[in-house]
Every structure is written in C-alpha cells, then in structure tokens.
C-alpha atoms as a PDB file:
ATOM      1  CA  MET A   1      -3.491 -38.493  74.735  1.00  0.00           C
ATOM      2  CA  LYS A   2      -0.266 -37.209  73.736  1.00  0.00           C
ATOM      3  CA  TYR A   3      -0.031 -34.643  76.754  1.00  0.00           C
ATOM      4  CA  THR A   4      -1.732 -37.125  79.647  1.00  0.00           C
ATOM      5  CA  VAL A   5       1.599 -39.471  78.407  1.00  0.00           C
ATOM      6  CA  ALA A   6       4.109 -36.810  78.614  1.00  0.00           C
ATOM      7  CA  ILE A   7       2.849 -35.269  81.908  1.00  0.00           C
ATOM      8  CA  ALA A   8       2.604 -39.056  83.095  1.00  0.00           C
ATOM      9  CA  ALA A   9       6.430 -39.578  82.094  1.00  0.00           C
ATOM     10  CA  PHE A  10       7.273 -36.298  83.285  1.00  0.00           C
ATOM     11  CA  ALA A  11       5.788 -37.045  86.697  1.00  0.00           C
ATOM     12  CA  LEU A  12       7.469 -40.733  87.249  1.00  0.00           C
ATOM     13  CA  LEU A  13      11.000 -38.854  86.306  1.00  0.00           C
ATOM     14  CA  ALA A  14      10.242 -35.916  88.726  1.00  0.00           C
ATOM     15  CA  ILE A  15       9.752 -38.815  91.058  1.00  0.00           C
ATOM     16  CA  ALA A  16      12.730 -40.747  90.471  1.00  0.00           C
ATOM     17  CA  VAL A  17      14.845 -37.748  90.288  1.00  0.00           C
ATOM     18  CA  ASN A  18      13.998 -36.931  93.789  1.00  0.00           C
ATOM     19  CA  ALA A  19      13.675 -40.768  95.771  1.00  0.00           C
ATOM     20  CA  ALA A  20      15.830 -40.991  98.219  1.00  0.00           C
ATOM     21  CA  PRO A  21      19.845 -42.590  97.280  1.00  0.00           C
ATOM     22  CA  PRO A  22      19.534 -45.923  99.736  1.00  0.00           C
ATOM     23  CA  GLN A  23      21.715 -45.349 102.757  1.00  0.00           C
ATOM     24  CA  GLU A  24      25.211 -46.402 102.400  1.00  0.00           C
ATOM     25  CA  ALA A  25      26.359 -48.622 105.007  1.00  0.00           C
ATOM     26  CA  HIS A  26      29.748 -48.812 106.914  1.00  0.00           C
ATOM     27  CA  VAL A  27      31.918 -51.261 109.346  1.00  0.00           C
ATOM     28  CA  VAL A  28      31.403 -50.692 113.099  1.00  0.00           C
ATOM     29  CA  ARG A  29      33.001 -53.995 114.084  1.00  0.00           C
ATOM     30  CA  PHE A  30      35.113 -56.883 112.402  1.00  0.00           C
ATOM     31  CA  ASP A  31      37.118 -58.956 114.518  1.00  0.00           C
ATOM     32  CA  SER A  32      39.149 -61.646 112.861  1.00  0.00           C
ATOM     33  CA  ASP A  33      41.234 -64.491 113.926  1.00  0.00           C
ATOM     34  CA  VAL A  34      43.315 -66.667 111.237  1.00  0.00           C
ATOM     35  CA  GLN A  35      44.954 -69.562 112.455  1.00  0.00           C
ATOM     36  CA  PRO A  36      46.466 -72.270 109.930  1.00  0.00           C
ATOM     37  CA  GLU A  37      44.062 -74.813 110.918  1.00  0.00           C
ATOM     38  CA  SER A  38      40.762 -72.596 111.247  1.00  0.00           C
ATOM     39  CA  TYR A  39      39.722 -69.584 111.546  1.00  0.00           C
ATOM     40  CA  LYS A  40      36.671 -67.135 112.728  1.00  0.00           C
ATOM     41  CA  PHE A  41      35.481 -63.598 112.136  1.00  0.00           C
ATOM     42  CA  ALA A  42      32.779 -61.597 113.118  1.00  0.00           C
ATOM     43  CA  VAL A  43      31.403 -58.174 111.104  1.00  0.00           C
ATOM     44  CA  GLU A  44      28.766 -55.894 111.912  1.00  0.00           C
ATOM     45  CA  THR A  45      27.406 -52.478 110.223  1.00  0.00           C
ATOM     46  CA  SER A  46      25.701 -49.479 110.746  1.00  0.00           C
ATOM     47  CA  ASP A  47      22.512 -51.052 108.722  1.00  0.00           C
ATOM     48  CA  GLY A  48      21.978 -53.696 111.464  1.00  0.00           C
ATOM     49  CA  LYS A  49      23.584 -56.621 109.417  1.00  0.00           C
ATOM     50  CA  SER A  50      26.037 -59.534 111.488  1.00  0.00           C
ATOM     51  CA  HIS A  51      27.764 -62.207 110.131  1.00  0.00           C
ATOM     52  CA  GLN A  52      29.587 -64.864 112.854  1.00  0.00           C
ATOM     53  CA  GLU A  53      31.625 -67.518 111.025  1.00  0.00           C
ATOM     54  CA  GLU A  54      34.571 -70.309 112.135  1.00  0.00           C
ATOM     55  CA  GLY A  55      36.050 -72.756 110.059  1.00  0.00           C
ATOM     56  CA  GLN A  56      38.285 -75.519 111.452  1.00  0.00           C
ATOM     57  CA  LEU A  57      40.420 -77.871 108.873  1.00  0.00           C
ATOM     58  CA  LYS A  58      39.143 -81.620 109.660  1.00  0.00           C
ATOM     59  CA  HIS A  59      41.126 -85.055 109.320  1.00  0.00           C
ATOM     60  CA  VAL A  60      44.240 -82.761 108.777  1.00  0.00           C
ATOM     61  CA  GLY A  61      47.056 -84.890 106.018  1.00  0.00           C
ATOM     62  CA  THR A  62      44.461 -87.605 104.705  1.00  0.00           C
ATOM     63  CA  ASP A  63      42.324 -87.785 101.861  1.00  0.00           C
ATOM     64  CA  HIS A  64      39.417 -86.758 103.193  1.00  0.00           C
ATOM     65  CA  GLU A  65      41.171 -83.487 104.136  1.00  0.00           C
ATOM     66  CA  ALA A  66      37.522 -80.934 104.575  1.00  0.00           C
ATOM     67  CA  ILE A  67      36.813 -77.973 106.424  1.00  0.00           C
ATOM     68  CA  ALA A  68      33.723 -77.922 108.418  1.00  0.00           C
ATOM     69  CA  VAL A  69      31.787 -74.313 108.859  1.00  0.00           C
ATOM     70  CA  ARG A  70      29.380 -73.136 111.105  1.00  0.00           C
ATOM     71  CA  GLY A  71      27.997 -69.529 111.614  1.00  0.00           C
ATOM     72  CA  PHE A  72      25.024 -67.351 111.542  1.00  0.00           C
ATOM     73  CA  TYR A  73      24.187 -63.965 110.030  1.00  0.00           C
ATOM     74  CA  THR A  74      21.445 -61.750 110.397  1.00  0.00           C
ATOM     75  CA  TYR A  75      19.701 -58.729 108.767  1.00  0.00           C
ATOM     76  CA  LEU A  76      16.909 -56.568 108.587  1.00  0.00           C
ATOM     77  CA  GLY A  77      14.519 -57.321 106.016  1.00  0.00           C
ATOM     78  CA  ASP A  78      12.030 -54.913 103.934  1.00  0.00           C
ATOM     79  CA  ASP A  79       9.400 -55.380 105.916  1.00  0.00           C
ATOM     80  CA  GLY A  80      10.944 -54.052 109.285  1.00  0.00           C
ATOM     81  CA  GLN A  81      11.501 -57.652 110.416  1.00  0.00           C
ATOM     82  CA  THR A  82      15.023 -58.989 111.673  1.00  0.00           C
ATOM     83  CA  TYR A  83      15.765 -62.312 109.984  1.00  0.00           C
ATOM     84  CA  THR A  84      18.161 -64.446 111.439  1.00  0.00           C
ATOM     85  CA  ILE A  85      20.118 -68.013 109.300  1.00  0.00           C
ATOM     86  CA  ASN A  86      22.060 -70.627 111.431  1.00  0.00           C
ATOM     87  CA  TYR A  87      24.131 -72.977 109.154  1.00  0.00           C
ATOM     88  CA  VAL A  88      26.667 -75.648 109.066  1.00  0.00           C
ATOM     89  CA  ALA A  89      28.475 -76.540 105.787  1.00  0.00           C
ATOM     90  CA  ASP A  90      30.590 -79.603 105.976  1.00  0.00           C
ATOM     91  CA  GLU A  91      30.925 -83.042 104.251  1.00  0.00           C
ATOM     92  CA  ASN A  92      27.000 -83.127 104.474  1.00  0.00           C
ATOM     93  CA  GLY A  93      26.987 -79.588 102.448  1.00  0.00           C
ATOM     94  CA  TYR A  94      25.168 -76.082 103.298  1.00  0.00           C
ATOM     95  CA  GLN A  95      23.090 -76.841 105.833  1.00  0.00           C
ATOM     96  CA  PRO A  96      20.602 -73.255 106.543  1.00  0.00           C
ATOM     97  CA  GLU A  97      18.066 -72.902 109.196  1.00  0.00           C
ATOM     98  CA  GLY A  98      16.008 -70.037 109.977  1.00  0.00           C
ATOM     99  CA  ALA A  99      12.263 -69.425 111.393  1.00  0.00           C
ATOM    100  CA  HIS A 100      11.336 -68.116 107.883  1.00  0.00           C
ATOM    101  CA  LEU A 101      12.694 -70.721 106.110  1.00  0.00           C
ATOM    102  CA  PRO A 102      10.828 -74.131 104.726  1.00  0.00           C
ATOM    103  CA  ARG A 103      11.939 -77.257 106.779  1.00  0.00           C
ATOM    104  CA  ALA A 104      12.560 -80.289 104.998  1.00  0.00           C
ATOM    105  CA  VAL A 105       9.514 -82.825 105.508  1.00  0.00           C
ATOM    106  CA  GLN A 106      10.635 -85.984 107.613  1.00  0.00           C
END
C-alpha cells in the first residue's frame, strides 16, 4: 500500500512539473484619450481579451457632480466561448448586461 501511494504521488508530481505554463498575454492595442471632464480607452490583448470604456463628468461644479461610465469587455472562457459584458455605471450603480448573465425579473 505504501508503494502504491508513493507511486501515485510521484506520478502526480511528474504531471504537475511537466504541465505547460499558462501563456502570457501581451497588449496588442492600447488607445487612450483623457480630457478634463471625460476619458475613453480601448485595450486588446494577445489572448483575445478586449475592453473599451468611456466616462463623462456630469453636473460639473454642483453638489451632485458624478461620473457616468459605459463600456464593454470581451474574453474567451474556459469552454472556448467568447463572452461579452456591456455595462453602465452611473448614479444608478453598476449595471452589467450579457447574454450569459441572469436577468432581473420584472
């Protein structure tokens, strides 16, 4: 029994050591425009991820000054499917939408 456990442990160690390391992603595109009352950016990586966002300052100079943001990001899931999340973040909070996300009952 000791030998079986030892052989199994050795086999698992050998598999772990020889497992391929995860591939490192690199930025393949990055655009950015930052203004005093707004910003936008877009970034894409070599592993298929993409993120675009823009924000605008609202009610400038008032007690209700806030930023309103909208954008999306896309990534390749472990199941090989591409997922996209569109979102808005403003005075009503973060509001994501995606075909794979549950929807609120109305």
